[in-house]
Amino acid sequence: MGKGIIKLLNEIKEEILDIIYPPISKCIVCDAEFIGICPICNTSIKRCIRDGNIISYGYYKGALKKLLLEFKYKKNFTAGRVLADYIYKLIKENNIDAEAILFIPSSKKALKERGFNQCEFLAKEISRKLEIKIYRDIIKAKNIKEQKTLSKEDRMKNVKDAFKIRDRNNVKGKKIILLDDIVTTGATIFECEKILKEAGAASINILTVAKSFI
């Protein structure tokens, strides 16, 4: 299937989603008359500087935290598209060249509670914008505890050998974007970066919407 047909199908899908989940004409953060996030709330987001291999858009507080909570727990897909735009902005700001996108998988419990994987949604949006492939090849190799309940040291132990690559051929030799919504200690995302390297990825750019702290 050609890229033109894929792009057209994606545009049709977006129009259908807008009918099912019509955007509300109020800023998600402050309720001002604005679809998405108004300029004032948008400029209130404190941007992050690059931290080693991780590039995050902003700190997990204020307007950015509100957007993420609305997206993850209230299925506000307008907020999700705003967050995807932030990731896209990071890609452009940092001149990132990629051939594929992979994302952190959700736990079965999170999928049951939310009904969707927020990282997969973001990855789909970025895949559509960049017209590059998305792969679902990072999978759970074992059940782990919820990271948010653990200390930094316990988080590292918790995710050790917790993931594996389904198909190494989708990774080997490719320039990859590894996507997550929030990074705290980096335990999960570094474990996934490790297995991508072992699978032969040519390069890995780690991108997250927000950066938090324990």
C-alpha atoms as a PDB file:
ATOM      1  CA  MET A   1       0.000   0.000   0.000  1.00  0.00           C
ATOM      2  CA  GLY A   2       1.435   3.382  -1.041  1.00  0.00           C
ATOM      3  CA  LYS A   3       2.199   6.208   1.383  1.00  0.00           C
ATOM      4  CA  GLY A   4      -0.487   8.385  -0.255  1.00  0.00           C
ATOM      5  CA  ILE A   5      -3.214   5.824   0.447  1.00  0.00           C
ATOM      6  CA  ILE A   6      -1.985   5.334   4.031  1.00  0.00           C
ATOM      7  CA  LYS A   7      -1.997   9.093   4.612  1.00  0.00           C
ATOM      8  CA  LEU A   8      -5.546   9.357   3.233  1.00  0.00           C
ATOM      9  CA  LEU A   9      -6.763   6.510   5.456  1.00  0.00           C
ATOM     10  CA  ASN A  10      -5.179   8.173   8.491  1.00  0.00           C
ATOM     11  CA  GLU A  11      -6.925  11.443   7.670  1.00  0.00           C
ATOM     12  CA  ILE A  12     -10.256   9.622   7.399  1.00  0.00           C
ATOM     13  CA  LYS A  13      -9.598   7.929  10.745  1.00  0.00           C
ATOM     14  CA  GLU A  14      -8.904  11.330  12.358  1.00  0.00           C
ATOM     15  CA  GLU A  15     -12.181  12.707  11.001  1.00  0.00           C
ATOM     16  CA  ILE A  16     -14.076   9.705  12.394  1.00  0.00           C
ATOM     17  CA  LEU A  17     -12.429  10.152  15.810  1.00  0.00           C
ATOM     18  CA  ASP A  18     -13.400  13.821  15.804  1.00  0.00           C
ATOM     19  CA  ILE A  19     -17.020  12.747  15.274  1.00  0.00           C
ATOM     20  CA  ILE A  20     -16.891  10.125  18.057  1.00  0.00           C
ATOM     21  CA  TYR A  21     -14.844  12.303  20.429  1.00  0.00           C
ATOM     22  CA  PRO A  22     -15.552  15.892  19.335  1.00  0.00           C
ATOM     23  CA  PRO A  23     -13.048  18.442  20.669  1.00  0.00           C
ATOM     24  CA  ILE A  24     -14.455  20.700  23.398  1.00  0.00           C
ATOM     25  CA  SER A  25     -14.072  24.431  22.733  1.00  0.00           C
ATOM     26  CA  LYS A  26     -12.387  25.063  26.077  1.00  0.00           C
ATOM     27  CA  CYS A  27      -8.754  24.993  27.113  1.00  0.00           C
ATOM     28  CA  ILE A  28      -8.154  21.641  28.826  1.00  0.00           C
ATOM     29  CA  VAL A  29      -6.212  23.362  31.589  1.00  0.00           C
ATOM     30  CA  CYS A  30      -8.021  26.649  32.354  1.00  0.00           C
ATOM     31  CA  ASP A  31     -11.394  26.439  30.522  1.00  0.00           C
ATOM     32  CA  ALA A  32     -10.693  29.503  28.378  1.00  0.00           C
ATOM     33  CA  GLU A  33     -12.385  29.562  24.972  1.00  0.00           C
ATOM     34  CA  PHE A  34      -9.795  27.548  23.058  1.00  0.00           C
ATOM     35  CA  ILE A  35      -9.612  24.033  21.617  1.00  0.00           C
ATOM     36  CA  GLY A  36      -6.748  22.047  23.174  1.00  0.00           C
ATOM     37  CA  ILE A  37      -4.487  24.217  25.296  1.00  0.00           C
ATOM     38  CA  CYS A  38      -4.545  28.021  25.207  1.00  0.00           C
ATOM     39  CA  PRO A  39      -1.345  30.037  24.548  1.00  0.00           C
ATOM     40  CA  ILE A  40      -1.109  31.215  28.171  1.00  0.00           C
ATOM     41  CA  CYS A  41      -1.254  27.677  29.627  1.00  0.00           C
ATOM     42  CA  ASN A  42       1.022  26.420  26.861  1.00  0.00           C
ATOM     43  CA  THR A  43       3.756  28.948  27.679  1.00  0.00           C
ATOM     44  CA  SER A  44       3.449  28.118  31.410  1.00  0.00           C
ATOM     45  CA  ILE A  45       4.960  24.654  30.803  1.00  0.00           C
ATOM     46  CA  LYS A  46       8.513  24.539  32.119  1.00  0.00           C
ATOM     47  CA  ARG A  47      10.664  22.969  29.422  1.00  0.00           C
ATOM     48  CA  CYS A  48      13.362  20.388  30.197  1.00  0.00           C
ATOM     49  CA  ILE A  49      16.968  20.381  29.121  1.00  0.00           C
ATOM     50  CA  ARG A  50      18.347  17.136  27.700  1.00  0.00           C
ATOM     51  CA  ASP A  51      19.317  14.625  30.391  1.00  0.00           C
ATOM     52  CA  GLY A  52      21.832  12.179  28.912  1.00  0.00           C
ATOM     53  CA  ASN A  53      20.044   9.894  26.452  1.00  0.00           C
ATOM     54  CA  ILE A  54      16.574  11.129  27.420  1.00  0.00           C
ATOM     55  CA  ILE A  55      14.840  14.114  25.835  1.00  0.00           C
ATOM     56  CA  SER A  56      11.684  15.247  27.663  1.00  0.00           C
ATOM     57  CA  TYR A  57       9.406  18.099  26.678  1.00  0.00           C
ATOM     58  CA  GLY A  58       8.656  19.507  30.133  1.00  0.00           C
ATOM     59  CA  TYR A  59       8.410  18.836  33.850  1.00  0.00           C
ATOM     60  CA  TYR A  60       5.508  16.817  35.231  1.00  0.00           C
ATOM     61  CA  LYS A  61       3.612  19.617  36.933  1.00  0.00           C
ATOM     62  CA  GLY A  62       1.119  22.379  36.220  1.00  0.00           C
ATOM     63  CA  ALA A  63      -0.414  22.438  32.747  1.00  0.00           C
ATOM     64  CA  LEU A  64       1.592  19.468  31.454  1.00  0.00           C
ATOM     65  CA  LYS A  65       0.524  17.279  34.371  1.00  0.00           C
ATOM     66  CA  LYS A  66      -3.107  18.282  33.798  1.00  0.00           C
ATOM     67  CA  LEU A  67      -2.880  17.329  30.119  1.00  0.00           C
ATOM     68  CA  LEU A  68      -1.386  13.935  30.929  1.00  0.00           C
ATOM     69  CA  LEU A  69      -3.952  13.136  33.621  1.00  0.00           C
ATOM     70  CA  GLU A  70      -6.847  14.132  31.364  1.00  0.00           C
ATOM     71  CA  PHE A  71      -5.422  11.972  28.592  1.00  0.00           C
ATOM     72  CA  LYS A  72      -4.535   8.878  30.605  1.00  0.00           C
ATOM     73  CA  TYR A  73      -7.445   8.681  33.024  1.00  0.00           C
ATOM     74  CA  LYS A  74     -10.307  10.553  31.302  1.00  0.00           C
ATOM     75  CA  LYS A  75      -9.642   9.470  27.693  1.00  0.00           C
ATOM     76  CA  ASN A  76      -9.320  13.071  26.540  1.00  0.00           C
ATOM     77  CA  PHE A  77      -7.831  12.385  23.120  1.00  0.00           C
ATOM     78  CA  THR A  78      -7.626  16.088  22.329  1.00  0.00           C
ATOM     79  CA  ALA A  79      -5.110  16.269  25.189  1.00  0.00           C
ATOM     80  CA  GLY A  80      -3.382  13.237  23.679  1.00  0.00           C
ATOM     81  CA  ARG A  81      -2.957  15.016  20.358  1.00  0.00           C
ATOM     82  CA  VAL A  82      -1.541  18.084  22.114  1.00  0.00           C
ATOM     83  CA  LEU A  83       1.009  15.832  23.844  1.00  0.00           C
ATOM     84  CA  ALA A  84       1.860  14.145  20.534  1.00  0.00           C
ATOM     85  CA  ASP A  85       2.514  17.614  19.085  1.00  0.00           C
ATOM     86  CA  TYR A  86       5.004  18.221  21.916  1.00  0.00           C
ATOM     87  CA  ILE A  87       6.854  15.008  21.014  1.00  0.00           C
ATOM     88  CA  TYR A  88       6.823  16.017  17.354  1.00  0.00           C
ATOM     89  CA  LYS A  89       8.283  19.388  18.355  1.00  0.00           C
ATOM     90  CA  LEU A  90      11.103  17.602  20.224  1.00  0.00           C
ATOM     91  CA  ILE A  91      11.892  15.587  17.112  1.00  0.00           C
ATOM     92  CA  LYS A  92      12.120  18.720  14.982  1.00  0.00           C
ATOM     93  CA  GLU A  93      14.051  20.731  17.579  1.00  0.00           C
ATOM     94  CA  ASN A  94      16.660  17.990  17.920  1.00  0.00           C
ATOM     95  CA  ASN A  95      16.827  17.082  14.202  1.00  0.00           C
ATOM     96  CA  ILE A  96      16.066  13.451  14.979  1.00  0.00           C
ATOM     97  CA  ASP A  97      16.186  11.090  12.009  1.00  0.00           C
ATOM     98  CA  ALA A  98      14.302   7.854  12.618  1.00  0.00           C
ATOM     99  CA  GLU A  99      13.037   4.852  10.672  1.00  0.00           C
ATOM    100  CA  ALA A 100      10.799   3.298  13.321  1.00  0.00           C
ATOM    101  CA  ILE A 101       8.996   4.045  16.570  1.00  0.00           C
ATOM    102  CA  LEU A 102       8.660   1.693  19.524  1.00  0.00           C
ATOM    103  CA  PHE A 103       6.893   2.384  22.801  1.00  0.00           C
ATOM    104  CA  ILE A 104       6.753   1.087  26.361  1.00  0.00           C
ATOM    105  CA  PRO A 105       4.026  -1.576  26.741  1.00  0.00           C
ATOM    106  CA  SER A 106       1.303  -1.174  29.369  1.00  0.00           C
ATOM    107  CA  SER A 107       0.642  -3.699  32.082  1.00  0.00           C
ATOM    108  CA  LYS A 108      -2.489  -5.843  31.761  1.00  0.00           C
ATOM    109  CA  LYS A 109      -3.914  -4.029  34.779  1.00  0.00           C
ATOM    110  CA  ALA A 110      -3.387  -0.572  33.233  1.00  0.00           C
ATOM    111  CA  LEU A 111      -4.877  -1.682  29.912  1.00  0.00           C
ATOM    112  CA  LYS A 112      -7.934  -3.074  31.685  1.00  0.00           C
ATOM    113  CA  GLU A 113      -8.411   0.121  33.720  1.00  0.00           C
ATOM    114  CA  ARG A 114      -7.814   2.638  30.900  1.00  0.00           C
ATOM    115  CA  GLY A 115      -8.828   0.642  27.854  1.00  0.00           C
ATOM    116  CA  PHE A 116      -5.822   1.839  25.867  1.00  0.00           C
ATOM    117  CA  ASN A 117      -2.051   2.321  26.043  1.00  0.00           C
ATOM    118  CA  GLN A 118      -1.316   6.052  26.110  1.00  0.00           C
ATOM    119  CA  CYS A 119       2.194   5.492  24.736  1.00  0.00           C
ATOM    120  CA  GLU A 120       0.820   3.530  21.793  1.00  0.00           C
ATOM    121  CA  PHE A 121      -1.601   6.385  21.025  1.00  0.00           C
ATOM    122  CA  LEU A 122       1.285   8.889  21.024  1.00  0.00           C
ATOM    123  CA  ALA A 123       3.401   6.554  18.891  1.00  0.00           C
ATOM    124  CA  LYS A 124       0.581   6.239  16.329  1.00  0.00           C
ATOM    125  CA  GLU A 125       0.265  10.024  16.108  1.00  0.00           C
ATOM    126  CA  ILE A 126       4.016  10.469  15.606  1.00  0.00           C
ATOM    127  CA  SER A 127       4.144   7.612  13.105  1.00  0.00           C
ATOM    128  CA  ARG A 128       1.427   9.343  11.081  1.00  0.00           C
ATOM    129  CA  LYS A 129       3.124  12.761  11.228  1.00  0.00           C
ATOM    130  CA  LEU A 130       6.554  11.420  10.225  1.00  0.00           C
ATOM    131  CA  GLU A 131       5.248   8.668   7.916  1.00  0.00           C
ATOM    132  CA  ILE A 132       7.504   6.079   9.543  1.00  0.00           C
ATOM    133  CA  LYS A 133       6.676   2.618  10.860  1.00  0.00           C
ATOM    134  CA  ILE A 134       5.511   1.803  14.360  1.00  0.00           C
ATOM    135  CA  TYR A 135       6.474  -1.563  15.848  1.00  0.00           C
ATOM    136  CA  ARG A 136       4.914  -3.265  18.871  1.00  0.00           C
ATOM    137  CA  ASP A 137       7.940  -5.453  19.513  1.00  0.00           C
ATOM    138  CA  ILE A 138       8.776  -4.518  23.102  1.00  0.00           C
ATOM    139  CA  ILE A 139       6.774  -6.977  25.182  1.00  0.00           C
ATOM    140  CA  LYS A 140       6.657  -7.999  28.830  1.00  0.00           C
ATOM    141  CA  ALA A 141       8.733 -11.065  29.647  1.00  0.00           C
ATOM    142  CA  LYS A 142       7.450 -11.256  33.224  1.00  0.00           C
ATOM    143  CA  ASN A 143       4.985  -9.601  35.544  1.00  0.00           C
ATOM    144  CA  ILE A 144       6.361  -6.693  37.553  1.00  0.00           C
ATOM    145  CA  LYS A 145       5.143  -4.495  40.397  1.00  0.00           C
ATOM    146  CA  GLU A 146       3.873  -0.984  39.703  1.00  0.00           C
ATOM    147  CA  GLN A 147       6.922   1.265  39.461  1.00  0.00           C
ATOM    148  CA  LYS A 148       5.248   4.246  41.142  1.00  0.00           C
ATOM    149  CA  THR A 149       5.054   2.312  44.428  1.00  0.00           C
ATOM    150  CA  LEU A 150       8.814   1.620  44.554  1.00  0.00           C
ATOM    151  CA  SER A 151      12.027   3.416  45.491  1.00  0.00           C
ATOM    152  CA  LYS A 152      14.662   4.211  42.865  1.00  0.00           C
ATOM    153  CA  GLU A 153      16.753   1.153  43.785  1.00  0.00           C
ATOM    154  CA  ASP A 154      13.740  -1.167  43.821  1.00  0.00           C
ATOM    155  CA  ARG A 155      12.575   0.164  40.433  1.00  0.00           C
ATOM    156  CA  MET A 156      15.867  -0.901  38.854  1.00  0.00           C
ATOM    157  CA  LYS A 157      15.567  -4.402  40.336  1.00  0.00           C
ATOM    158  CA  ASN A 158      11.885  -4.644  39.413  1.00  0.00           C
ATOM    159  CA  VAL A 159      12.403  -4.144  35.661  1.00  0.00           C
ATOM    160  CA  LYS A 160      15.596  -6.167  35.267  1.00  0.00           C
ATOM    161  CA  ASP A 161      14.993  -8.690  32.452  1.00  0.00           C
ATOM    162  CA  ALA A 162      11.284  -7.722  32.472  1.00  0.00           C
ATOM    163  CA  PHE A 163      11.092  -7.048  28.711  1.00  0.00           C
ATOM    164  CA  LYS A 164      12.056  -8.770  25.498  1.00  0.00           C
ATOM    165  CA  ILE A 165      11.970  -8.106  21.754  1.00  0.00           C
ATOM    166  CA  ARG A 166       9.336 -10.027  19.782  1.00  0.00           C
ATOM    167  CA  ASP A 167      10.996  -9.715  16.360  1.00  0.00           C
ATOM    168  CA  ARG A 168      14.626  -8.602  16.194  1.00  0.00           C
ATOM    169  CA  ASN A 169      14.344  -8.049  12.424  1.00  0.00           C
ATOM    170  CA  ASN A 170      12.135  -5.011  13.096  1.00  0.00           C
ATOM    171  CA  VAL A 171      14.925  -3.475  15.179  1.00  0.00           C
ATOM    172  CA  LYS A 172      18.223  -4.600  13.707  1.00  0.00           C
ATOM    173  CA  GLY A 173      20.087  -1.838  11.878  1.00  0.00           C
ATOM    174  CA  LYS A 174      17.313   0.722  12.332  1.00  0.00           C
ATOM    175  CA  LYS A 175      17.332   4.269  13.716  1.00  0.00           C
ATOM    176  CA  ILE A 176      14.696   4.131  16.437  1.00  0.00           C
ATOM    177  CA  ILE A 177      12.586   6.478  18.539  1.00  0.00           C
ATOM    178  CA  LEU A 178      11.769   4.901  21.912  1.00  0.00           C
ATOM    179  CA  LEU A 179       8.686   6.572  23.365  1.00  0.00           C
ATOM    180  CA  ASP A 180       7.286   6.867  26.887  1.00  0.00           C
ATOM    181  CA  ASP A 181       4.886   9.347  28.476  1.00  0.00           C
ATOM    182  CA  ILE A 182       6.683  10.106  31.761  1.00  0.00           C
ATOM    183  CA  VAL A 183      10.212   9.367  32.949  1.00  0.00           C
ATOM    184  CA  THR A 184      11.087   9.329  36.644  1.00  0.00           C
ATOM    185  CA  THR A 185      14.209   7.302  37.433  1.00  0.00           C
ATOM    186  CA  GLY A 186      14.519   6.001  33.879  1.00  0.00           C
ATOM    187  CA  ALA A 187      14.590   2.380  35.078  1.00  0.00           C
ATOM    188  CA  THR A 188      11.961   1.105  32.640  1.00  0.00           C
ATOM    189  CA  ILE A 189      13.089   3.044  29.622  1.00  0.00           C
ATOM    190  CA  PHE A 190      16.779   2.205  30.139  1.00  0.00           C
ATOM    191  CA  GLU A 191      15.914  -1.495  30.394  1.00  0.00           C
ATOM    192  CA  CYS A 192      14.043  -1.220  27.080  1.00  0.00           C
ATOM    193  CA  GLU A 193      16.928   0.724  25.546  1.00  0.00           C
ATOM    194  CA  LYS A 194      19.263  -2.091  26.607  1.00  0.00           C
ATOM    195  CA  ILE A 195      17.284  -4.809  24.849  1.00  0.00           C
ATOM    196  CA  LEU A 196      16.970  -2.660  21.709  1.00  0.00           C
ATOM    197  CA  LYS A 197      20.755  -2.296  21.622  1.00  0.00           C
ATOM    198  CA  GLU A 198      21.166  -6.040  22.129  1.00  0.00           C
ATOM    199  CA  ALA A 199      18.773  -6.584  19.199  1.00  0.00           C
ATOM    200  CA  GLY A 200      21.059  -4.521  16.963  1.00  0.00           C
ATOM    201  CA  ALA A 201      19.377  -1.102  16.741  1.00  0.00           C
ATOM    202  CA  ALA A 202      21.595   1.358  14.845  1.00  0.00           C
ATOM    203  CA  SER A 203      20.604   4.298  17.090  1.00  0.00           C
ATOM    204  CA  ILE A 204      18.032   5.000  19.804  1.00  0.00           C
ATOM    205  CA  ASN A 205      16.528   8.372  20.680  1.00  0.00           C
ATOM    206  CA  ILE A 206      14.523   8.257  23.933  1.00  0.00           C
ATOM    207  CA  LEU A 207      11.659  10.755  23.979  1.00  0.00           C
ATOM    208  CA  THR A 208       9.139  11.430  26.749  1.00  0.00           C
ATOM    209  CA  VAL A 209       6.412  13.996  27.218  1.00  0.00           C
ATOM    210  CA  ALA A 210       7.284  14.728  30.842  1.00  0.00           C
ATOM    211  CA  LYS A 211       9.997  14.321  33.425  1.00  0.00           C
ATOM    212  CA  SER A 212       9.094  13.600  37.037  1.00  0.00           C
ATOM    213  CA  PHE A 213      10.988  12.913  40.239  1.00  0.00           C
ATOM    214  CA  ILE A 214      10.551  10.503  43.138  1.00  0.00           C
END
